[in-house]
Protein backbone atom coordinates (compact mmCIF):
# COMPACT_ATOMS: atom_id res chain seq x y z
CA UNK A 1 0.00 0.00 0.00
CA UNK A 2 2.88 2.35 0.68
CA UNK A 3 4.08 1.67 -2.86
CA UNK A 4 0.62 2.61 -4.13
CA UNK A 5 0.92 5.94 -2.33
CA UNK A 6 4.25 6.55 -4.05
CA UNK A 7 2.73 5.75 -7.43
CA UNK A 8 -0.27 8.01 -6.88
CA UNK A 9 2.04 10.82 -5.75
CA UNK A 10 4.15 10.36 -8.88
CA UNK A 11 1.02 10.50 -11.03
CA UNK A 12 -0.02 13.71 -9.30
CA UNK A 13 3.43 15.22 -9.84
CA UNK A 14 3.14 14.46 -13.56
CA UNK A 15 -0.46 15.69 -13.79
CA UNK A 16 -1.65 17.78 -10.83
CA UNK A 17 -5.18 17.77 -12.30
CA UNK A 18 -5.55 13.98 -12.30
CA UNK A 19 -8.51 13.61 -9.95
CA UNK A 20 -8.52 9.80 -9.94
CA UNK A 21 -4.96 9.74 -8.57
CA UNK A 22 -6.07 11.90 -5.64
CA UNK A 23 -8.97 9.52 -4.97
CA UNK A 24 -6.60 6.55 -5.05
CA UNK A 25 -4.25 8.35 -2.71
CA UNK A 26 -7.13 9.00 -0.30
CA UNK A 27 -8.14 5.33 -0.36
CA UNK A 28 -4.56 4.21 0.22
CA UNK A 29 -4.23 6.39 3.31
CA UNK A 30 -7.60 5.19 4.60
CA UNK A 31 -6.66 1.54 4.14
CA UNK A 32 -3.36 1.99 5.96
CA UNK A 33 -5.21 3.53 8.88
CA UNK A 34 -7.91 0.83 8.87
CA UNK A 35 -5.30 -1.92 8.89
CA UNK A 36 -3.39 -0.27 11.73
CA UNK A 37 -0.25 0.15 9.63
CA UNK A 38 -0.24 3.89 10.30
CA UNK A 39 -1.97 5.96 12.96
CA UNK A 40 -5.28 7.45 11.79
CA UNK A 41 -4.33 10.86 13.20
CA UNK A 42 -1.30 10.75 10.91
CA UNK A 43 -2.96 9.75 7.64
CA UNK A 44 -6.68 10.51 7.78
CA UNK A 45 -6.18 14.28 7.39
CA UNK A 46 -4.14 13.44 4.28
CA UNK A 47 -6.89 11.13 3.04
CA UNK A 48 -9.52 13.79 3.56
CA UNK A 49 -7.43 16.44 1.80
CA UNK A 50 -6.78 14.13 -1.15
CA UNK A 51 -10.46 13.18 -1.48
CA UNK A 52 -11.54 16.80 -1.35
CA UNK A 53 -8.91 17.75 -3.94
CA UNK A 54 -10.20 15.00 -6.22
CA UNK A 55 -13.72 16.40 -5.89
CA UNK A 56 -12.47 19.92 -6.48
CA UNK A 57 -10.99 18.71 -9.75
CA UNK A 58 -13.92 16.50 -10.77
CA UNK A 59 -17.06 16.46 -8.67
CA UNK A 60 -18.56 13.76 -10.93
CA UNK A 61 -15.92 11.20 -9.97
CA UNK A 62 -17.67 8.39 -8.07
CA UNK A 63 -14.39 7.13 -6.61
CA UNK A 64 -13.72 10.51 -5.00
CA UNK A 65 -17.18 10.61 -3.41
CA UNK A 66 -16.63 7.09 -2.08
CA UNK A 67 -13.21 8.06 -0.70
CA UNK A 68 -14.68 11.02 1.16
CA UNK A 69 -17.63 8.92 2.36
CA UNK A 70 -15.27 6.44 4.00
CA UNK A 71 -13.44 9.21 5.83
CA UNK A 72 -16.73 10.80 6.91
CA UNK A 73 -18.13 7.48 8.14
CA UNK A 74 -15.12 5.81 9.73
CA UNK A 75 -13.16 8.74 11.14
CA UNK A 76 -15.45 11.77 11.33
CA UNK A 77 -18.34 9.55 12.44
CA UNK A 78 -20.58 11.74 10.33
CA UNK A 79 -23.07 9.14 9.13
CA UNK A 80 -25.33 11.66 7.42
CA UNK A 81 -22.57 13.16 5.27
CA UNK A 82 -21.12 9.71 4.61
CA UNK A 83 -24.51 8.60 3.34
CA UNK A 84 -24.77 11.65 1.11
CA UNK A 85 -21.33 11.01 -0.36
CA UNK A 86 -22.13 7.35 -1.00
CA UNK A 87 -25.39 8.41 -2.64
CA UNK A 88 -23.53 10.87 -4.87
CA UNK A 89 -21.08 8.13 -5.81
CA UNK A 90 -23.92 5.82 -6.76
CA UNK A 91 -25.61 8.52 -8.84
CA UNK A 92 -22.39 9.20 -10.70
CA UNK A 93 -21.65 5.55 -11.34
CA UNK A 94 -25.05 3.97 -11.78
CA UNK A 95 -25.01 0.30 -12.72
CA UNK A 96 -23.13 -2.70 -11.40
CA UNK A 97 -20.46 -0.59 -9.72
CA UNK A 98 -23.26 1.35 -8.07
CA UNK A 99 -24.67 -1.87 -6.61
CA UNK A 100 -21.25 -2.72 -5.21
CA UNK A 101 -21.05 0.72 -3.62
CA UNK A 102 -24.48 0.28 -2.07
CA UNK A 103 -23.58 -3.12 -0.65
CA UNK A 104 -20.32 -1.77 0.73
CA UNK A 105 -22.16 1.02 2.48
CA UNK A 106 -25.02 -1.15 3.72
CA UNK A 107 -22.65 -3.74 5.13
CA UNK A 108 -20.97 -1.15 7.35
CA UNK A 109 -23.83 1.21 8.10
CA UNK A 110 -26.52 1.80 10.63
CA UNK A 111 -30.05 1.15 9.44
CA UNK A 112 -31.22 4.72 10.05
CA UNK A 113 -28.73 6.03 7.49
CA UNK A 114 -30.24 3.95 4.70
CA UNK A 115 -33.41 6.01 4.24
CA UNK A 116 -32.08 7.56 1.03
CA UNK A 117 -31.99 4.18 -0.76
């Protein structure tokens, strides 16, 4: 995963407007925190910044909305905003990937946050 971060950072250096690289960077940081490889207080602010940068560059990118949703849900404990971000991701990427996003959210969510489905 640390190698993935290096690759995403290299992609960003080559193209600072590459939104998908920022989303991948955000996910990489989030995974490292979730696995306990790095302290959340060390990497989650970086994940949040990268996800928000991805959305600044392309607010239609489902991956960026999902990245921000994970930070909102797992670290900010903001279930409402996490749900909104997941919903935005599903709207942007409607189809099979959307179903996978829904299942990912449902499997880790509280029932009261599912009213938007």
